Amino acid sequence: MARELRVPSFLTALPAPVRWLALPLALSCTVVVLLGSWGAPAAIEVPKPTGRAAGYCRDLAAALPQEVLGHARKDPSPGSPYVAAWASSPRTVLRCGVDRPEALNGEHAKDLSPTIDDVTWWAQKLDDGGYRFITTMRRAYVEVTVPGGAFSNPLDPVSALNGVVKANIP
């Protein structure tokens, strides 16, 4: 005995061509939304250090680990010796040779600045819930951006990278 397929009542009020296109249209819209949300990450501004700072940053780039706290290194393309990223979702980004933050000249100069094994990191909370950490008192400024939710403690990746920064950026 064949079972009769019942069409929901709200669809029966629509003309047949519209009913036939409703499911493919809904599936197409879903695919477009999913692909849009999986798009390429935002572009990362590549610093342009000069002189000794550029040399320190190249040394740091050569010494950076391939993994940070279980997250594999996945640098943005095209590659630069001044930018590294680890594939946490969203990703953690290190930029070497950034300019000295203007905020260090003003009222935020005395904000939270944790010191880890003789490296001081100026911390800045971002609008998206993440943090930006920038070294102070070093020959080249190193910035580590940790997106909100990527780690249970936003200082964890900074702590993991601290030793290599200390060894390569005097």
C-alpha atoms as a PDB file:
ATOM      1  CA  MET A   1       0.000   0.000   0.000  1.00  0.00           C
ATOM      2  CA  ALA A   2       1.466   3.313  -1.120  1.00  0.00           C
ATOM      3  CA  ARG A   3       1.627   6.106   1.335  1.00  0.00           C
ATOM      4  CA  GLU A   4       0.365   9.493   0.172  1.00  0.00           C
ATOM      5  CA  LEU A   5       2.796  12.387   0.436  1.00  0.00           C
ATOM      6  CA  ARG A   6       1.166  15.355   2.117  1.00  0.00           C
ATOM      7  CA  VAL A   7       2.164  18.892   1.239  1.00  0.00           C
ATOM      8  CA  PRO A   8       2.049  21.400   4.113  1.00  0.00           C
ATOM      9  CA  SER A   9      -0.979  23.672   3.851  1.00  0.00           C
ATOM     10  CA  PHE A  10       1.035  26.897   3.624  1.00  0.00           C
ATOM     11  CA  LEU A  11       2.679  25.564   0.453  1.00  0.00           C
ATOM     12  CA  THR A  12      -0.570  24.561  -1.235  1.00  0.00           C
ATOM     13  CA  ALA A  13      -1.608  28.201  -1.359  1.00  0.00           C
ATOM     14  CA  LEU A  14       1.409  28.961  -3.584  1.00  0.00           C
ATOM     15  CA  PRO A  15       1.368  28.417  -7.361  1.00  0.00           C
ATOM     16  CA  ALA A  16       3.013  25.154  -8.503  1.00  0.00           C
ATOM     17  CA  PRO A  17       6.213  26.705  -9.984  1.00  0.00           C
ATOM     18  CA  VAL A  18       6.880  28.517  -6.706  1.00  0.00           C
ATOM     19  CA  ARG A  19       6.365  25.300  -4.700  1.00  0.00           C
ATOM     20  CA  TRP A  20       8.782  23.453  -7.007  1.00  0.00           C
ATOM     21  CA  LEU A  21      11.476  26.077  -6.547  1.00  0.00           C
ATOM     22  CA  ALA A  22      11.094  26.578  -2.796  1.00  0.00           C
ATOM     23  CA  LEU A  23      13.342  23.693  -1.698  1.00  0.00           C
ATOM     24  CA  PRO A  24      16.173  24.294  -4.236  1.00  0.00           C
ATOM     25  CA  LEU A  25      16.106  28.024  -3.428  1.00  0.00           C
ATOM     26  CA  ALA A  26      16.288  27.377   0.319  1.00  0.00           C
ATOM     27  CA  LEU A  27      19.201  24.958  -0.149  1.00  0.00           C
ATOM     28  CA  SER A  28      21.049  27.417  -2.411  1.00  0.00           C
ATOM     29  CA  CYS A  29      20.678  30.215   0.140  1.00  0.00           C
ATOM     30  CA  THR A  30      21.995  27.938   2.887  1.00  0.00           C
ATOM     31  CA  VAL A  31      25.066  27.039   0.823  1.00  0.00           C
ATOM     32  CA  VAL A  32      25.761  30.723   0.068  1.00  0.00           C
ATOM     33  CA  VAL A  33      25.537  31.637   3.765  1.00  0.00           C
ATOM     34  CA  LEU A  34      27.827  28.774   4.791  1.00  0.00           C
ATOM     35  CA  LEU A  35      30.419  29.573   2.139  1.00  0.00           C
ATOM     36  CA  GLY A  36      30.351  33.241   3.106  1.00  0.00           C
ATOM     37  CA  SER A  37      31.012  32.415   6.748  1.00  0.00           C
ATOM     38  CA  TRP A  38      33.956  30.199   5.763  1.00  0.00           C
ATOM     39  CA  GLY A  39      35.560  32.901   3.654  1.00  0.00           C
ATOM     40  CA  ALA A  40      39.156  33.975   3.794  1.00  0.00           C
ATOM     41  CA  PRO A  41      40.280  35.583   7.040  1.00  0.00           C
ATOM     42  CA  ALA A  42      40.742  39.313   7.140  1.00  0.00           C
ATOM     43  CA  ALA A  43      43.948  40.616   5.610  1.00  0.00           C
ATOM     44  CA  ILE A  44      46.820  41.147   7.984  1.00  0.00           C
ATOM     45  CA  GLU A  45      48.828  44.338   7.688  1.00  0.00           C
ATOM     46  CA  VAL A  46      52.483  43.425   7.249  1.00  0.00           C
ATOM     47  CA  PRO A  47      54.874  45.628   9.262  1.00  0.00           C
ATOM     48  CA  LYS A  48      57.861  47.186   7.485  1.00  0.00           C
ATOM     49  CA  PRO A  49      60.671  47.365  10.030  1.00  0.00           C
ATOM     50  CA  THR A  50      63.994  48.841   8.989  1.00  0.00           C
ATOM     51  CA  GLY A  51      67.601  48.548  10.102  1.00  0.00           C
ATOM     52  CA  ARG A  52      68.412  46.398  13.090  1.00  0.00           C
ATOM     53  CA  ALA A  53      64.729  45.844  13.917  1.00  0.00           C
ATOM     54  CA  ALA A  54      64.260  44.094  10.556  1.00  0.00           C
ATOM     55  CA  GLY A  55      67.202  41.791  11.327  1.00  0.00           C
ATOM     56  CA  TYR A  56      65.842  40.959  14.778  1.00  0.00           C
ATOM     57  CA  CYS A  57      62.446  40.185  13.258  1.00  0.00           C
ATOM     58  CA  ARG A  58      63.966  37.874  10.627  1.00  0.00           C
ATOM     59  CA  ASP A  59      65.836  36.034  13.408  1.00  0.00           C
ATOM     60  CA  LEU A  60      62.600  35.728  15.372  1.00  0.00           C
ATOM     61  CA  ALA A  61      60.741  34.407  12.309  1.00  0.00           C
ATOM     62  CA  ALA A  62      63.339  31.660  11.840  1.00  0.00           C
ATOM     63  CA  ALA A  63      63.036  30.613  15.484  1.00  0.00           C
ATOM     64  CA  LEU A  64      59.230  30.623  15.847  1.00  0.00           C
ATOM     65  CA  PRO A  65      57.645  27.250  16.644  1.00  0.00           C
ATOM     66  CA  GLN A  66      55.534  25.280  14.156  1.00  0.00           C
ATOM     67  CA  GLU A  67      52.925  24.721  16.863  1.00  0.00           C
ATOM     68  CA  VAL A  68      51.596  26.830  19.731  1.00  0.00           C
ATOM     69  CA  LEU A  69      49.499  25.103  22.384  1.00  0.00           C
ATOM     70  CA  GLY A  70      48.326  22.423  19.945  1.00  0.00           C
ATOM     71  CA  HIS A  71      47.620  24.843  17.085  1.00  0.00           C
ATOM     72  CA  ALA A  72      49.662  24.365  13.909  1.00  0.00           C
ATOM     73  CA  ARG A  73      51.413  27.284  12.288  1.00  0.00           C
ATOM     74  CA  LYS A  74      49.607  28.511   9.197  1.00  0.00           C
ATOM     75  CA  ASP A  75      51.124  31.749   7.974  1.00  0.00           C
ATOM     76  CA  PRO A  76      49.087  34.065   5.763  1.00  0.00           C
ATOM     77  CA  SER A  77      49.853  34.180   2.075  1.00  0.00           C
ATOM     78  CA  PRO A  78      51.963  35.733   0.662  1.00  0.00           C
ATOM     79  CA  GLY A  79      54.509  34.919   3.328  1.00  0.00           C
ATOM     80  CA  SER A  80      56.495  37.540   5.204  1.00  0.00           C
ATOM     81  CA  PRO A  81      59.263  37.176   7.774  1.00  0.00           C
ATOM     82  CA  TYR A  82      57.384  39.744   9.854  1.00  0.00           C
ATOM     83  CA  VAL A  83      54.074  37.865  10.251  1.00  0.00           C
ATOM     84  CA  ALA A  84      53.257  34.423  11.659  1.00  0.00           C
ATOM     85  CA  ALA A  85      49.913  32.831  12.496  1.00  0.00           C
ATOM     86  CA  TRP A  86      48.719  29.724  14.242  1.00  0.00           C
ATOM     87  CA  ALA A  87      45.528  28.057  13.099  1.00  0.00           C
ATOM     88  CA  SER A  88      43.407  28.406  16.155  1.00  0.00           C
ATOM     89  CA  SER A  89      39.923  29.309  15.097  1.00  0.00           C
ATOM     90  CA  PRO A  90      40.056  32.265  14.898  1.00  0.00           C
ATOM     91  CA  ARG A  91      43.803  32.424  14.462  1.00  0.00           C
ATOM     92  CA  THR A  92      46.458  33.895  16.721  1.00  0.00           C
ATOM     93  CA  VAL A  93      48.774  36.293  14.870  1.00  0.00           C
ATOM     94  CA  LEU A  94      52.286  37.511  15.672  1.00  0.00           C
ATOM     95  CA  ARG A  95      53.618  40.612  13.887  1.00  0.00           C
ATOM     96  CA  CYS A  96      57.190  41.760  14.397  1.00  0.00           C
ATOM     97  CA  GLY A  97      58.440  45.274  13.717  1.00  0.00           C
ATOM     98  CA  VAL A  98      55.156  47.060  14.360  1.00  0.00           C
ATOM     99  CA  ASP A  99      55.216  50.746  15.174  1.00  0.00           C
ATOM    100  CA  ARG A 100      55.160  51.835  18.790  1.00  0.00           C
ATOM    101  CA  PRO A 101      51.484  52.123  19.754  1.00  0.00           C
ATOM    102  CA  GLU A 102      50.303  55.711  20.156  1.00  0.00           C
ATOM    103  CA  ALA A 103      48.311  54.596  23.212  1.00  0.00           C
ATOM    104  CA  LEU A 104      51.587  54.107  25.095  1.00  0.00           C
ATOM    105  CA  ASN A 105      52.051  57.873  24.994  1.00  0.00           C
ATOM    106  CA  GLY A 106      48.750  58.684  26.693  1.00  0.00           C
ATOM    107  CA  GLU A 107      46.513  57.604  29.508  1.00  0.00           C
ATOM    108  CA  HIS A 108      46.784  53.917  28.599  1.00  0.00           C
ATOM    109  CA  ALA A 109      50.540  53.800  29.197  1.00  0.00           C
ATOM    110  CA  LYS A 110      49.952  52.493  32.716  1.00  0.00           C
ATOM    111  CA  ASP A 111      47.389  49.841  31.723  1.00  0.00           C
ATOM    112  CA  LEU A 112      47.966  46.187  32.532  1.00  0.00           C
ATOM    113  CA  SER A 113      51.460  45.189  31.392  1.00  0.00           C
ATOM    114  CA  PRO A 114      52.318  41.675  32.571  1.00  0.00           C
ATOM    115  CA  THR A 115      56.001  40.765  32.688  1.00  0.00           C
ATOM    116  CA  ILE A 116      56.897  37.191  31.812  1.00  0.00           C
ATOM    117  CA  ASP A 117      60.521  36.159  32.357  1.00  0.00           C
ATOM    118  CA  ASP A 118      61.848  39.721  31.862  1.00  0.00           C
ATOM    119  CA  VAL A 119      59.659  40.498  28.815  1.00  0.00           C
ATOM    120  CA  THR A 120      56.961  43.100  29.417  1.00  0.00           C
ATOM    121  CA  TRP A 121      53.785  42.874  27.316  1.00  0.00           C
ATOM    122  CA  TRP A 122      51.432  45.835  27.128  1.00  0.00           C
ATOM    123  CA  ALA A 123      47.888  44.462  26.961  1.00  0.00           C
ATOM    124  CA  GLN A 124      44.983  45.999  25.085  1.00  0.00           C
ATOM    125  CA  LYS A 125      41.438  44.578  25.125  1.00  0.00           C
ATOM    126  CA  LEU A 126      39.880  44.563  21.651  1.00  0.00           C
ATOM    127  CA  ASP A 127      36.264  45.266  20.732  1.00  0.00           C
ATOM    128  CA  ASP A 128      35.732  41.641  19.605  1.00  0.00           C
ATOM    129  CA  GLY A 129      36.652  40.283  23.051  1.00  0.00           C
ATOM    130  CA  GLY A 130      40.221  39.397  22.104  1.00  0.00           C
ATOM    131  CA  TYR A 131      43.487  40.924  23.250  1.00  0.00           C
ATOM    132  CA  ARG A 132      46.495  42.534  21.641  1.00  0.00           C
ATOM    133  CA  PHE A 133      49.801  42.173  23.470  1.00  0.00           C
ATOM    134  CA  ILE A 134      52.822  44.285  22.450  1.00  0.00           C
ATOM    135  CA  THR A 135      56.311  44.018  23.861  1.00  0.00           C
ATOM    136  CA  THR A 136      57.792  47.080  25.465  1.00  0.00           C
ATOM    137  CA  MET A 137      61.413  47.929  26.222  1.00  0.00           C
ATOM    138  CA  ARG A 138      62.695  45.841  23.256  1.00  0.00           C
ATOM    139  CA  ARG A 139      64.685  46.805  20.130  1.00  0.00           C
ATOM    140  CA  ALA A 140      61.709  45.801  17.958  1.00  0.00           C
ATOM    141  CA  TYR A 141      58.044  45.839  18.921  1.00  0.00           C
ATOM    142  CA  VAL A 142      56.368  42.424  18.705  1.00  0.00           C
ATOM    143  CA  GLU A 143      52.580  42.201  18.654  1.00  0.00           C
ATOM    144  CA  VAL A 144      50.562  39.069  19.411  1.00  0.00           C
ATOM    145  CA  THR A 145      46.832  39.246  18.734  1.00  0.00           C
ATOM    146  CA  VAL A 146      44.771  36.621  20.529  1.00  0.00           C
ATOM    147  CA  PRO A 147      41.126  36.502  19.421  1.00  0.00           C
ATOM    148  CA  GLY A 148      38.388  36.145  22.010  1.00  0.00           C
ATOM    149  CA  GLY A 149      37.568  32.508  22.732  1.00  0.00           C
ATOM    150  CA  ALA A 150      40.645  31.067  21.005  1.00  0.00           C
ATOM    151  CA  PHE A 151      42.163  30.103  24.375  1.00  0.00           C
ATOM    152  CA  SER A 152      40.769  29.843  27.889  1.00  0.00           C
ATOM    153  CA  ASN A 153      43.391  32.380  29.028  1.00  0.00           C
ATOM    154  CA  PRO A 154      44.414  34.966  26.399  1.00  0.00           C
ATOM    155  CA  LEU A 155      47.913  35.163  27.912  1.00  0.00           C
ATOM    156  CA  ASP A 156      48.599  31.468  27.198  1.00  0.00           C
ATOM    157  CA  PRO A 157      49.919  31.926  23.623  1.00  0.00           C
ATOM    158  CA  VAL A 158      51.951  34.958  24.730  1.00  0.00           C
ATOM    159  CA  SER A 159      53.523  32.834  27.455  1.00  0.00           C
ATOM    160  CA  ALA A 160      54.260  30.095  24.923  1.00  0.00           C
ATOM    161  CA  LEU A 161      55.982  32.580  22.569  1.00  0.00           C
ATOM    162  CA  ASN A 162      57.724  34.602  25.282  1.00  0.00           C
ATOM    163  CA  GLY A 163      60.953  32.570  25.363  1.00  0.00           C
ATOM    164  CA  VAL A 164      61.603  32.802  21.621  1.00  0.00           C
ATOM    165  CA  VAL A 165      60.832  36.537  21.660  1.00  0.00           C
ATOM    166  CA  LYS A 166      63.221  37.060  24.576  1.00  0.00           C
ATOM    167  CA  ALA A 167      65.967  35.064  22.836  1.00  0.00           C
ATOM    168  CA  ASN A 168      65.722  36.973  19.530  1.00  0.00           C
ATOM    169  CA  ILE A 169      64.606  40.524  20.333  1.00  0.00           C
ATOM    170  CA  PRO A 170      67.024  42.218  22.758  1.00  0.00           C
END
